[in-house]
C-alpha atoms as a PDB file:
ATOM      1  CA  MET A   1       6.129 -20.608  -0.112  1.00  0.00           C
ATOM      2  CA  GLU A   2       8.574 -20.691  -3.018  1.00  0.00           C
ATOM      3  CA  SER A   3       7.282 -18.416  -5.765  1.00  0.00           C
ATOM      4  CA  GLU A   4       8.378 -18.448  -9.381  1.00  0.00           C
ATOM      5  CA  VAL A   5       6.236 -15.362  -9.993  1.00  0.00           C
ATOM      6  CA  ILE A   6       8.117 -13.348  -7.359  1.00  0.00           C
ATOM      7  CA  GLU A   7      11.397 -14.222  -9.076  1.00  0.00           C
ATOM      8  CA  HIS A   8      10.104 -12.542 -12.247  1.00  0.00           C
ATOM      9  CA  ILE A   9       9.187  -9.250 -10.557  1.00  0.00           C
ATOM     10  CA  ALA A  10      11.584  -6.504 -11.593  1.00  0.00           C
ATOM     11  CA  LYS A  11      13.404  -4.613  -8.857  1.00  0.00           C
ATOM     12  CA  ASP A  12      15.198  -2.117 -11.086  1.00  0.00           C
ATOM     13  CA  ARG A  13      12.321  -0.579 -13.037  1.00  0.00           C
ATOM     14  CA  PHE A  14       8.719   0.428 -12.487  1.00  0.00           C
ATOM     15  CA  TRP A  15       6.223  -1.512 -14.570  1.00  0.00           C
ATOM     16  CA  PRO A  16       3.479   0.528 -16.246  1.00  0.00           C
ATOM     17  CA  LEU A  17      -0.034   0.094 -14.938  1.00  0.00           C
ATOM     18  CA  PRO A  18      -2.455  -1.691 -17.290  1.00  0.00           C
ATOM     19  CA  TRP A  19      -4.648   1.419 -17.071  1.00  0.00           C
ATOM     20  CA  PRO A  20      -1.999   4.174 -17.113  1.00  0.00           C
ATOM     21  CA  ASP A  21      -4.372   7.151 -17.402  1.00  0.00           C
ATOM     22  CA  ARG A  22      -7.359   8.490 -15.528  1.00  0.00           C
ATOM     23  CA  ILE A  23     -10.684   8.763 -17.303  1.00  0.00           C
ATOM     24  CA  ASP A  24      -9.905  12.435 -18.054  1.00  0.00           C
ATOM     25  CA  GLY A  25      -6.769  11.403 -19.960  1.00  0.00           C
ATOM     26  CA  ALA A  26      -4.235  12.588 -17.363  1.00  0.00           C
ATOM     27  CA  PRO A  27      -1.556  10.106 -16.221  1.00  0.00           C
ATOM     28  CA  ARG A  28      -2.379   8.403 -12.944  1.00  0.00           C
ATOM     29  CA  ARG A  29      -0.168   9.821 -10.202  1.00  0.00           C
ATOM     30  CA  THR A  30       0.946   8.038  -7.028  1.00  0.00           C
ATOM     31  CA  GLY A  31       1.828   9.361  -3.597  1.00  0.00           C
ATOM     32  CA  VAL A  32       4.489   7.405  -1.697  1.00  0.00           C
ATOM     33  CA  GLU A  33       5.056   7.231   2.082  1.00  0.00           C
ATOM     34  CA  ILE A  34       8.256   5.649   3.431  1.00  0.00           C
ATOM     35  CA  GLU A  35       8.864   4.840   7.120  1.00  0.00           C
ATOM     36  CA  PHE A  36      12.274   4.209   8.671  1.00  0.00           C
ATOM     37  CA  ALA A  37      14.442   4.706  11.750  1.00  0.00           C
ATOM     38  CA  GLY A  38      18.053   5.709  12.351  1.00  0.00           C
ATOM     39  CA  LEU A  39      17.849   9.324  11.171  1.00  0.00           C
ATOM     40  CA  SER A  40      16.366  12.497  12.582  1.00  0.00           C
ATOM     41  CA  MET A  41      13.649  14.472  10.836  1.00  0.00           C
ATOM     42  CA  ARG A  42      16.233  17.138  10.018  1.00  0.00           C
ATOM     43  CA  ASP A  43      18.621  14.525   8.568  1.00  0.00           C
ATOM     44  CA  ALA A  44      15.851  13.178   6.325  1.00  0.00           C
ATOM     45  CA  ALA A  45      14.758  16.630   5.224  1.00  0.00           C
ATOM     46  CA  GLU A  46      18.330  17.561   4.333  1.00  0.00           C
ATOM     47  CA  ILE A  47      18.620  14.416   2.210  1.00  0.00           C
ATOM     48  CA  VAL A  48      15.382  15.261   0.393  1.00  0.00           C
ATOM     49  CA  HIS A  49      16.706  18.785  -0.170  1.00  0.00           C
ATOM     50  CA  SER A  50      20.071  17.573  -1.478  1.00  0.00           C
ATOM     51  CA  LEU A  51      18.369  15.221  -3.926  1.00  0.00           C
ATOM     52  CA  TRP A  52      15.402  17.261  -5.127  1.00  0.00           C
ATOM     53  CA  GLY A  53      16.095  20.856  -4.097  1.00  0.00           C
ATOM     54  CA  GLY A  54      13.469  23.099  -2.524  1.00  0.00           C
ATOM     55  CA  ASP A  55      13.369  24.991   0.767  1.00  0.00           C
ATOM     56  CA  ILE A  56      13.081  23.460   4.244  1.00  0.00           C
ATOM     57  CA  SER A  57      10.613  24.951   6.703  1.00  0.00           C
ATOM     58  CA  SER A  58       9.398  23.645  10.051  1.00  0.00           C
ATOM     59  CA  SER A  59       6.183  23.546  12.055  1.00  0.00           C
ATOM     60  CA  ALA A  60       5.329  22.078  15.447  1.00  0.00           C
ATOM     61  CA  ASP A  61       4.749  18.634  13.954  1.00  0.00           C
ATOM     62  CA  ASP A  62       6.823  18.244  10.795  1.00  0.00           C
ATOM     63  CA  LEU A  63       9.308  19.603   8.316  1.00  0.00           C
ATOM     64  CA  LYS A  64       8.326  20.580   4.806  1.00  0.00           C
ATOM     65  CA  VAL A  65      10.650  20.650   1.820  1.00  0.00           C
ATOM     66  CA  ALA A  66       8.680  22.981  -0.426  1.00  0.00           C
ATOM     67  CA  GLY A  67       9.193  23.555  -4.115  1.00  0.00           C
ATOM     68  CA  THR A  68      11.299  20.479  -4.878  1.00  0.00           C
ATOM     69  CA  CYS A  69      11.494  19.139  -8.416  1.00  0.00           C
ATOM     70  CA  VAL A  70       8.751  16.630  -7.474  1.00  0.00           C
ATOM     71  CA  GLY A  71       6.589  19.040  -5.452  1.00  0.00           C
ATOM     72  CA  ASP A  72       6.231  19.615  -1.708  1.00  0.00           C
ATOM     73  CA  VAL A  73       7.575  16.790   0.476  1.00  0.00           C
ATOM     74  CA  ILE A  74       6.668  16.299   4.157  1.00  0.00           C
ATOM     75  CA  VAL A  75       8.983  14.747   6.762  1.00  0.00           C
ATOM     76  CA  GLU A  76       7.281  13.823  10.013  1.00  0.00           C
ATOM     77  CA  ARG A  77       7.145  11.374  12.887  1.00  0.00           C
ATOM     78  CA  ASP A  78       4.527   8.738  12.198  1.00  0.00           C
ATOM     79  CA  THR A  79       2.421   9.162  15.302  1.00  0.00           C
ATOM     80  CA  ALA A  80      -0.761  10.902  16.332  1.00  0.00           C
ATOM     81  CA  LEU A  81       0.993  12.116  19.497  1.00  0.00           C
ATOM     82  CA  THR A  82       3.195  14.783  17.940  1.00  0.00           C
ATOM     83  CA  ALA A  83       1.315  17.677  19.487  1.00  0.00           C
ATOM     84  CA  GLU A  84       3.380  20.615  20.667  1.00  0.00           C
ATOM     85  CA  GLY A  85       5.602  19.625  23.599  1.00  0.00           C
ATOM     86  CA  ILE A  86       5.241  15.872  23.031  1.00  0.00           C
ATOM     87  CA  GLU A  87       7.870  15.343  20.330  1.00  0.00           C
ATOM     88  CA  GLY A  88      10.875  15.360  22.644  1.00  0.00           C
ATOM     89  CA  LEU A  89       9.159  13.190  25.234  1.00  0.00           C
ATOM     90  CA  LEU A  90       8.242  10.620  22.605  1.00  0.00           C
ATOM     91  CA  ARG A  91      11.736  10.565  21.190  1.00  0.00           C
ATOM     92  CA  SER A  92      13.318   9.977  24.597  1.00  0.00           C
ATOM     93  CA  ALA A  93      10.738   7.391  25.677  1.00  0.00           C
ATOM     94  CA  LEU A  94      10.299   5.446  22.461  1.00  0.00           C
ATOM     95  CA  GLY A  95      13.299   6.364  20.354  1.00  0.00           C
ATOM     96  CA  ASP A  96      13.310   4.633  16.974  1.00  0.00           C
ATOM     97  CA  LEU A  97      10.058   2.784  17.706  1.00  0.00           C
ATOM     98  CA  VAL A  98       8.284   5.897  16.388  1.00  0.00           C
ATOM     99  CA  PRO A  99       9.542   6.044  12.803  1.00  0.00           C
ATOM    100  CA  ILE A 100      10.341   8.970  10.589  1.00  0.00           C
ATOM    101  CA  GLU A 101       8.078   9.158   7.546  1.00  0.00           C
ATOM    102  CA  VAL A 102       8.787  10.869   4.236  1.00  0.00           C
ATOM    103  CA  VAL A 103       5.571  11.665   2.364  1.00  0.00           C
ATOM    104  CA  THR A 104       5.755  12.659  -1.292  1.00  0.00           C
ATOM    105  CA  PRO A 105       3.103  14.500  -3.283  1.00  0.00           C
ATOM    106  CA  PRO A 106       1.314  12.565  -6.031  1.00  0.00           C
ATOM    107  CA  LEU A 107       4.081  11.662  -8.467  1.00  0.00           C
ATOM    108  CA  HIS A 108       3.866  11.408 -12.257  1.00  0.00           C
ATOM    109  CA  PRO A 109       4.696   7.861 -13.469  1.00  0.00           C
ATOM    110  CA  ASP A 110       7.957   9.108 -14.999  1.00  0.00           C
ATOM    111  CA  THR A 111       8.966  10.484 -11.589  1.00  0.00           C
ATOM    112  CA  LEU A 112       8.410   7.294  -9.563  1.00  0.00           C
ATOM    113  CA  PRO A 113      12.047   6.128 -10.033  1.00  0.00           C
ATOM    114  CA  GLU A 114      13.059   9.162  -7.962  1.00  0.00           C
ATOM    115  CA  THR A 115      11.729   7.329  -4.907  1.00  0.00           C
ATOM    116  CA  ASP A 116      14.395   4.664  -5.263  1.00  0.00           C
ATOM    117  CA  ARG A 117      17.059   7.361  -5.589  1.00  0.00           C
ATOM    118  CA  LEU A 118      15.760   8.687  -2.263  1.00  0.00           C
ATOM    119  CA  VAL A 119      15.823   5.217  -0.697  1.00  0.00           C
ATOM    120  CA  LEU A 120      19.452   4.774  -1.762  1.00  0.00           C
ATOM    121  CA  MET A 121      20.496   8.082  -0.191  1.00  0.00           C
ATOM    122  CA  LEU A 122      18.603   7.353   3.026  1.00  0.00           C
ATOM    123  CA  ARG A 123      20.240   3.917   3.182  1.00  0.00           C
ATOM    124  CA  GLN A 124      23.694   5.382   2.675  1.00  0.00           C
ATOM    125  CA  ALA A 125      23.000   7.878   5.483  1.00  0.00           C
ATOM    126  CA  GLY A 126      22.160   5.068   7.930  1.00  0.00           C
ATOM    127  CA  ALA A 127      18.384   4.673   7.714  1.00  0.00           C
ATOM    128  CA  ARG A 128      17.211   1.440   9.337  1.00  0.00           C
ATOM    129  CA  GLY A 129      14.370  -0.717   8.044  1.00  0.00           C
ATOM    130  CA  THR A 130      11.822  -3.238   9.229  1.00  0.00           C
ATOM    131  CA  ARG A 131      14.133  -6.225   9.632  1.00  0.00           C
ATOM    132  CA  ASP A 132      16.804  -4.348  11.589  1.00  0.00           C
ATOM    133  CA  SER A 133      14.903  -4.926  14.851  1.00  0.00           C
ATOM    134  CA  ILE A 134      11.977  -7.122  15.830  1.00  0.00           C
ATOM    135  CA  ALA A 135      10.428  -3.998  17.344  1.00  0.00           C
ATOM    136  CA  PHE A 136      10.405  -2.097  14.031  1.00  0.00           C
ATOM    137  CA  GLY A 137       6.923  -2.301  12.528  1.00  0.00           C
ATOM    138  CA  PHE A 138       7.608   0.065   9.638  1.00  0.00           C
ATOM    139  CA  GLY A 139       5.904   0.102   6.255  1.00  0.00           C
ATOM    140  CA  VAL A 140       5.577   1.768   2.879  1.00  0.00           C
ATOM    141  CA  HIS A 141       2.304   3.138   1.534  1.00  0.00           C
ATOM    142  CA  LEU A 142       1.523   3.495  -2.164  1.00  0.00           C
ATOM    143  CA  ASN A 143      -1.412   5.683  -3.161  1.00  0.00           C
ATOM    144  CA  PRO A 144      -2.093   5.345  -6.897  1.00  0.00           C
ATOM    145  CA  GLU A 145      -4.995   7.345  -8.252  1.00  0.00           C
ATOM    146  CA  VAL A 146      -8.006   5.337  -9.409  1.00  0.00           C
ATOM    147  CA  VAL A 147      -8.868   5.393 -13.101  1.00  0.00           C
ATOM    148  CA  ASP A 148     -12.424   6.517 -12.476  1.00  0.00           C
ATOM    149  CA  THR A 149     -14.951   6.545  -9.642  1.00  0.00           C
ATOM    150  CA  THR A 150     -17.389   4.102 -11.238  1.00  0.00           C
ATOM    151  CA  ALA A 151     -18.151   0.537 -10.209  1.00  0.00           C
ATOM    152  CA  ASP A 152     -16.689  -0.763 -13.490  1.00  0.00           C
ATOM    153  CA  ALA A 153     -13.390   0.964 -12.733  1.00  0.00           C
ATOM    154  CA  ILE A 154     -13.164   0.100  -9.039  1.00  0.00           C
ATOM    155  CA  LEU A 155     -14.670  -3.333  -8.418  1.00  0.00           C
ATOM    156  CA  PRO A 156     -12.308  -5.443 -10.564  1.00  0.00           C
ATOM    157  CA  THR A 157      -9.310  -4.185  -8.608  1.00  0.00           C
ATOM    158  CA  VAL A 158     -11.067  -4.732  -5.270  1.00  0.00           C
ATOM    159  CA  ARG A 159     -11.940  -8.281  -6.300  1.00  0.00           C
ATOM    160  CA  ALA A 160      -8.439  -8.962  -7.615  1.00  0.00           C
ATOM    161  CA  TYR A 161      -6.781  -7.764  -4.421  1.00  0.00           C
ATOM    162  CA  GLY A 162      -9.077  -9.811  -2.193  1.00  0.00           C
ATOM    163  CA  LEU A 163      -8.402 -12.971  -4.176  1.00  0.00           C
ATOM    164  CA  LEU A 164      -4.642 -12.335  -4.361  1.00  0.00           C
ATOM    165  CA  GLU A 165      -4.008 -11.176  -0.798  1.00  0.00           C
ATOM    166  CA  ASP A 166      -3.168 -14.605   0.660  1.00  0.00           C
ATOM    167  CA  TRP A 167      -0.702 -15.131  -2.200  1.00  0.00           C
ATOM    168  CA  LEU A 168       0.850 -11.666  -1.750  1.00  0.00           C
ATOM    169  CA  ARG A 169       1.417 -12.384   1.934  1.00  0.00           C
ATOM    170  CA  SER A 170       2.721 -15.922   1.372  1.00  0.00           C
ATOM    171  CA  ALA A 171       4.941 -15.408  -1.678  1.00  0.00           C
ATOM    172  CA  ASP A 172       6.962 -12.734   0.135  1.00  0.00           C
ATOM    173  CA  PRO A 173       6.191 -13.329   3.821  1.00  0.00           C
ATOM    174  CA  ILE A 174       5.546 -10.462   6.210  1.00  0.00           C
ATOM    175  CA  ASP A 175       8.301  -9.712   8.700  1.00  0.00           C
ATOM    176  CA  PRO A 176       7.419 -11.054  12.193  1.00  0.00           C
ATOM    177  CA  SER A 177       7.530  -7.564  13.727  1.00  0.00           C
ATOM    178  CA  ARG A 178       4.855  -6.384  11.299  1.00  0.00           C
ATOM    179  CA  ARG A 179       2.768  -9.555  11.562  1.00  0.00           C
ATOM    180  CA  LEU A 180       2.349  -9.031  15.320  1.00  0.00           C
ATOM    181  CA  LEU A 181       0.899  -5.558  14.784  1.00  0.00           C
ATOM    182  CA  PRO A 182      -2.638  -4.743  13.611  1.00  0.00           C
ATOM    183  CA  PHE A 183      -1.602  -2.268  10.911  1.00  0.00           C
ATOM    184  CA  VAL A 184      -1.945  -4.484   7.838  1.00  0.00           C
ATOM    185  CA  GLY A 185      -4.303  -7.331   8.726  1.00  0.00           C
ATOM    186  CA  PRO A 186      -5.864  -9.316   5.865  1.00  0.00           C
ATOM    187  CA  TRP A 187      -9.411  -8.776   4.716  1.00  0.00           C
ATOM    188  CA  PRO A 188     -11.841 -11.144   6.462  1.00  0.00           C
ATOM    189  CA  ARG A 189     -12.530 -14.327   4.533  1.00  0.00           C
ATOM    190  CA  GLY A 190     -16.248 -13.602   4.639  1.00  0.00           C
ATOM    191  CA  PHE A 191     -15.650 -10.422   2.666  1.00  0.00           C
ATOM    192  CA  VAL A 192     -13.537 -12.318   0.116  1.00  0.00           C
ATOM    193  CA  ASP A 193     -16.407 -14.807  -0.168  1.00  0.00           C
ATOM    194  CA  LEU A 194     -18.627 -11.939  -1.299  1.00  0.00           C
ATOM    195  CA  LEU A 195     -16.009 -10.661  -3.719  1.00  0.00           C
ATOM    196  CA  ALA A 196     -15.791 -14.100  -5.323  1.00  0.00           C
ATOM    197  CA  SER A 197     -19.490 -14.895  -5.436  1.00  0.00           C
ATOM    198  CA  GLU A 198     -21.462 -11.718  -6.072  1.00  0.00           C
ATOM    199  CA  ALA A 199     -19.305  -8.600  -6.283  1.00  0.00           C
ATOM    200  CA  ALA A 200     -19.028  -8.697 -10.078  1.00  0.00           C
ATOM    201  CA  GLU A 201     -22.623  -7.419 -10.108  1.00  0.00           C
ATOM    202  CA  TRP A 202     -22.277  -4.881  -7.301  1.00  0.00           C
ATOM    203  CA  ALA A 203     -22.894  -1.167  -7.492  1.00  0.00           C
ATOM    204  CA  LEU A 204     -20.662   1.128  -5.461  1.00  0.00           C
ATOM    205  CA  ASP A 205     -23.309   1.316  -2.736  1.00  0.00           C
ATOM    206  CA  ASP A 206     -23.073  -2.473  -2.370  1.00  0.00           C
ATOM    207  CA  LEU A 207     -19.295  -2.282  -2.022  1.00  0.00           C
ATOM    208  CA  THR A 208     -19.520   0.481   0.577  1.00  0.00           C
ATOM    209  CA  ARG A 209     -22.185  -1.292   2.614  1.00  0.00           C
ATOM    210  CA  SER A 210     -20.412  -4.654   2.557  1.00  0.00           C
ATOM    211  CA  TYR A 211     -16.959  -3.269   3.337  1.00  0.00           C
ATOM    212  CA  LEU A 212     -18.210  -1.193   6.252  1.00  0.00           C
ATOM    213  CA  ALA A 213     -20.116  -4.177   7.634  1.00  0.00           C
ATOM    214  CA  GLN A 214     -17.209  -6.614   7.279  1.00  0.00           C
ATOM    215  CA  THR A 215     -14.090  -4.548   7.926  1.00  0.00           C
ATOM    216  CA  PRO A 216     -14.677  -0.970   9.198  1.00  0.00           C
ATOM    217  CA  THR A 217     -11.010  -0.334  10.008  1.00  0.00           C
ATOM    218  CA  ARG A 218      -8.018   1.309   8.375  1.00  0.00           C
ATOM    219  CA  ASN A 219      -5.719  -1.501   9.550  1.00  0.00           C
ATOM    220  CA  ARG A 220      -5.754  -3.446   6.298  1.00  0.00           C
ATOM    221  CA  GLY A 221      -3.197  -4.154   3.604  1.00  0.00           C
ATOM    222  CA  LEU A 222      -5.497  -2.399   1.148  1.00  0.00           C
ATOM    223  CA  ASP A 223      -7.354   0.250   3.111  1.00  0.00           C
ATOM    224  CA  LEU A 224     -10.474   1.168   1.136  1.00  0.00           C
ATOM    225  CA  LEU A 225     -11.776   3.708   3.639  1.00  0.00           C
ATOM    226  CA  PRO A 226     -10.132   6.792   2.047  1.00  0.00           C
ATOM    227  CA  LEU A 227     -11.618   5.869  -1.339  1.00  0.00           C
ATOM    228  CA  LEU A 228     -15.028   4.976   0.110  1.00  0.00           C
ATOM    229  CA  GLU A 229     -15.077   8.178   2.143  1.00  0.00           C
ATOM    230  CA  TYR A 230     -14.481  10.085  -1.089  1.00  0.00           C
ATOM    231  CA  LEU A 231     -17.331   8.211  -2.786  1.00  0.00           C
ATOM    232  CA  ALA A 232     -19.812   8.080   0.132  1.00  0.00           C
ATOM    233  CA  PRO A 233     -18.610  10.427   2.897  1.00  0.00           C
ATOM    234  CA  GLU A 234     -21.699  10.305   5.092  1.00  0.00           C
ATOM    235  CA  SER A 235     -21.899   6.506   5.074  1.00  0.00           C
ATOM    236  CA  VAL A 236     -18.260   6.126   6.090  1.00  0.00           C
ATOM    237  CA  ARG A 237     -18.352   8.799   8.792  1.00  0.00           C
ATOM    238  CA  LYS A 238     -21.452   7.260  10.371  1.00  0.00           C
ATOM    239  CA  ALA A 239     -19.869   3.801  10.402  1.00  0.00           C
ATOM    240  CA  LEU A 240     -16.581   4.781  12.060  1.00  0.00           C
ATOM    241  CA  PRO A 241     -15.852   5.954  15.599  1.00  0.00           C
ATOM    242  CA  GLU A 242     -15.478   9.686  15.939  1.00  0.00           C
ATOM    243  CA  GLY A 243     -12.140  10.884  14.618  1.00  0.00           C
ATOM    244  CA  GLN A 244     -11.420   7.731  12.600  1.00  0.00           C
ATOM    245  CA  ALA A 245     -12.490   9.207   9.258  1.00  0.00           C
ATOM    246  CA  LYS A 246      -9.345  10.906   7.971  1.00  0.00           C
ATOM    247  CA  GLY A 247     -10.621  12.392   4.706  1.00  0.00           C
ATOM    248  CA  GLY A 248     -11.542  10.906   1.379  1.00  0.00           C
ATOM    249  CA  ARG A 249      -9.459  10.829  -1.771  1.00  0.00           C
ATOM    250  CA  PRO A 250      -9.779   9.023  -5.120  1.00  0.00           C
ATOM    251  CA  THR A 251      -6.804   6.717  -4.604  1.00  0.00           C
ATOM    252  CA  TRP A 252      -5.998   3.182  -3.562  1.00  0.00           C
ATOM    253  CA  HIS A 253      -4.288   3.131  -0.163  1.00  0.00           C
ATOM    254  CA  TYR A 254      -1.962   0.129  -0.402  1.00  0.00           C
ATOM    255  CA  ARG A 255      -0.216  -0.342   2.942  1.00  0.00           C
ATOM    256  CA  LEU A 256       2.836  -2.539   2.462  1.00  0.00           C
ATOM    257  CA  PRO A 257       3.865  -4.530   5.541  1.00  0.00           C
ATOM    258  CA  GLY A 258       7.568  -3.781   5.383  1.00  0.00           C
ATOM    259  CA  ALA A 259      10.081  -1.032   4.597  1.00  0.00           C
ATOM    260  CA  ARG A 260      13.376  -2.831   4.075  1.00  0.00           C
ATOM    261  CA  ILE A 261      15.144   0.428   3.361  1.00  0.00           C
ATOM    262  CA  ASP A 262      18.524  -0.763   4.666  1.00  0.00           C
ATOM    263  CA  GLU A 263      18.634  -3.883   2.462  1.00  0.00           C
ATOM    264  CA  PRO A 264      20.574  -3.326  -0.792  1.00  0.00           C
ATOM    265  CA  ASP A 265      18.340  -5.546  -2.934  1.00  0.00           C
ATOM    266  CA  TRP A 266      15.046  -3.968  -1.800  1.00  0.00           C
ATOM    267  CA  THR A 267      13.409  -1.259  -3.899  1.00  0.00           C
ATOM    268  CA  ILE A 268      10.179   0.687  -4.123  1.00  0.00           C
ATOM    269  CA  ALA A 269      10.041  -0.538  -7.730  1.00  0.00           C
ATOM    270  CA  TYR A 270       9.696  -4.127  -6.504  1.00  0.00           C
ATOM    271  CA  GLU A 271       6.803  -3.233  -4.211  1.00  0.00           C
ATOM    272  CA  TRP A 272       5.170  -1.129  -6.922  1.00  0.00           C
ATOM    273  CA  ASN A 273       5.384  -4.035  -9.363  1.00  0.00           C
ATOM    274  CA  ARG A 274       3.626  -6.316  -6.899  1.00  0.00           C
ATOM    275  CA  TRP A 275       0.737  -3.829  -6.926  1.00  0.00           C
ATOM    276  CA  CYS A 276       0.874  -3.892 -10.731  1.00  0.00           C
ATOM    277  CA  ILE A 277       0.160  -7.626 -10.574  1.00  0.00           C
ATOM    278  CA  VAL A 278      -3.088  -6.859  -8.736  1.00  0.00           C
ATOM    279  CA  GLU A 279      -4.138  -4.451 -11.464  1.00  0.00           C
ATOM    280  CA  ARG A 280      -3.031  -6.838 -14.214  1.00  0.00           C
ATOM    281  CA  VAL A 281      -5.294  -9.523 -12.781  1.00  0.00           C
ATOM    282  CA  ALA A 282      -8.116  -6.978 -12.545  1.00  0.00           C
ATOM    283  CA  ALA A 283      -7.611  -6.162 -16.235  1.00  0.00           C
ATOM    284  CA  ARG A 284      -7.921  -9.826 -17.281  1.00  0.00           C
ATOM    285  CA  ALA A 285     -11.597 -10.651 -16.844  1.00  0.00           C
ATOM    286  CA  GLY A 286     -11.110 -14.340 -17.618  1.00  0.00           C
ATOM    287  CA  LEU A 287      -8.347 -14.750 -15.044  1.00  0.00           C
ATOM    288  CA  LEU A 288     -10.365 -12.853 -12.443  1.00  0.00           C
ATOM    289  CA  ASP A 289     -13.358 -15.101 -13.052  1.00  0.00           C
ATOM    290  CA  GLU A 290     -11.147 -18.187 -12.793  1.00  0.00           C
ATOM    291  CA  LEU A 291      -9.814 -16.987  -9.456  1.00  0.00           C
ATOM    292  CA  SER A 292     -13.361 -16.335  -8.234  1.00  0.00           C
ATOM    293  CA  ARG A 293     -14.506 -19.848  -9.146  1.00  0.00           C
ATOM    294  CA  GLY A 294     -11.385 -21.324  -7.592  1.00  0.00           C
ATOM    295  CA  TRP A 295     -11.957 -19.456  -4.325  1.00  0.00           C
ATOM    296  CA  GLN A 296     -15.514 -20.742  -4.074  1.00  0.00           C
ATOM    297  CA  GLU A 297     -14.339 -24.305  -4.666  1.00  0.00           C
ATOM    298  CA  HIS A 298     -11.545 -23.835  -2.132  1.00  0.00           C
ATOM    299  CA  ARG A 299     -14.002 -22.626   0.504  1.00  0.00           C
ATOM    300  CA  ALA A 300     -16.457 -25.433  -0.230  1.00  0.00           C
ATOM    301  CA  ALA A 301     -13.806 -28.128   0.258  1.00  0.00           C
ATOM    302  CA  LEU A 302     -13.652 -29.006   3.956  1.00  0.00           C
ATOM    303  CA  THR A 303     -10.079 -30.296   3.825  1.00  0.00           C
ATOM    304  CA  THR A 304      -8.374 -27.215   2.356  1.00  0.00           C
ATOM    305  CA  LEU A 305      -6.172 -24.762   4.295  1.00  0.00           C
ATOM    306  CA  ARG A 306      -5.477 -21.078   3.668  1.00  0.00           C
ATOM    307  CA  GLY A 307      -1.987 -21.966   2.418  1.00  0.00           C
ATOM    308  CA  ASP A 308      -3.534 -24.217  -0.235  1.00  0.00           C
ATOM    309  CA  TRP A 309      -5.209 -21.178  -1.766  1.00  0.00           C
ATOM    310  CA  ALA A 310      -1.922 -19.272  -2.043  1.00  0.00           C
ATOM    311  CA  ARG A 311      -0.374 -22.212  -3.886  1.00  0.00           C
ATOM    312  CA  HIS A 312      -3.363 -22.383  -6.246  1.00  0.00           C
ATOM    313  CA  VAL A 313      -3.031 -18.666  -7.014  1.00  0.00           C
ATOM    314  CA  GLU A 314       0.684 -19.136  -7.675  1.00  0.00           C
ATOM    315  CA  GLU A 315      -0.119 -21.822 -10.250  1.00  0.00           C
ATOM    316  CA  LEU A 316      -2.694 -19.628 -11.996  1.00  0.00           C
ATOM    317  CA  LEU A 317      -0.359 -16.637 -12.121  1.00  0.00           C
ATOM    318  CA  GLN A 318       2.435 -18.794 -13.482  1.00  0.00           C
ATOM    319  CA  GLY A 319       0.146 -20.169 -16.170  1.00  0.00           C
ATOM    320  CA  ALA A 320      -0.935 -16.637 -17.093  1.00  0.00           C
ATOM    321  CA  GLU A 321       2.713 -15.451 -17.112  1.00  0.00           C
ATOM    322  CA  ILE A 322       1.440 -12.421 -15.275  1.00  0.00           C
ATOM    323  CA  TRP A 323       4.919 -10.854 -15.211  1.00  0.00           C
ATOM    324  CA  THR A 324       4.717 -10.288 -18.986  1.00  0.00           C
ATOM    325  CA  GLY A 325       2.034  -7.606 -18.656  1.00  0.00           C
END
């Protein structure tokens, strides 16, 4: 789908969030995770060190660059099979199919541009991204802190994401290698139905119960389980298979379906700004209500297709000039 809105999204600067601070007045910080191939863990750690300083130390599973100018940075292989003695076997058997992942600490908004400096250096060193091979199912994760842990602070963003997800996936289509994998599947339409019809009146218990009933998996573009586990740990742990609960934290876990690190025109800023659109819609109650009504009409019309909804969202976002803030 051709998207005028996408053409307006900045790639060279990070837009401010509509709610820039937490309820306690501190700036909202964001952790960033970047996956790629083509470099070793040591190569990546040395690049982090050359850019941000710090000291490199190793463990059985990862490398840590401690005390950098942005905090402690982890470099690891993105797999649950990196137990002692398995790393070399995995590398020889799977090679670049198991990506390297650089994980930053929560970053101050003023520090977020450093992530694109890192991307540039990784690219120059030969890092390979999602589109370099059909077998590369790499991604980027953004973890912005929530404003507050109340229903009023959380539900508008949940509703906005659910109503925008088809547009997000259509306006900048997912790479085929990522689409074939389960990592970032869309929220079920039945859950979006609830978001459009009744979620404006939900309490957090309603959100937790409905999400766990409809989509009790971490393999979503917006994975709510870390946030819900922080808010209702016992409910989440009971609903998931043993070992699936990874720990709660008061952040959004936005799992982007591509890491085009080797493409010169791709930036973390661009992906961040797409998340900003979600929050901008959440901050505009009238626009959010219009999207909710439109979704219900779309679902009630027997002749509509999922692609029709993405085009309708595009028209609404254009009319709202959502890129202006």
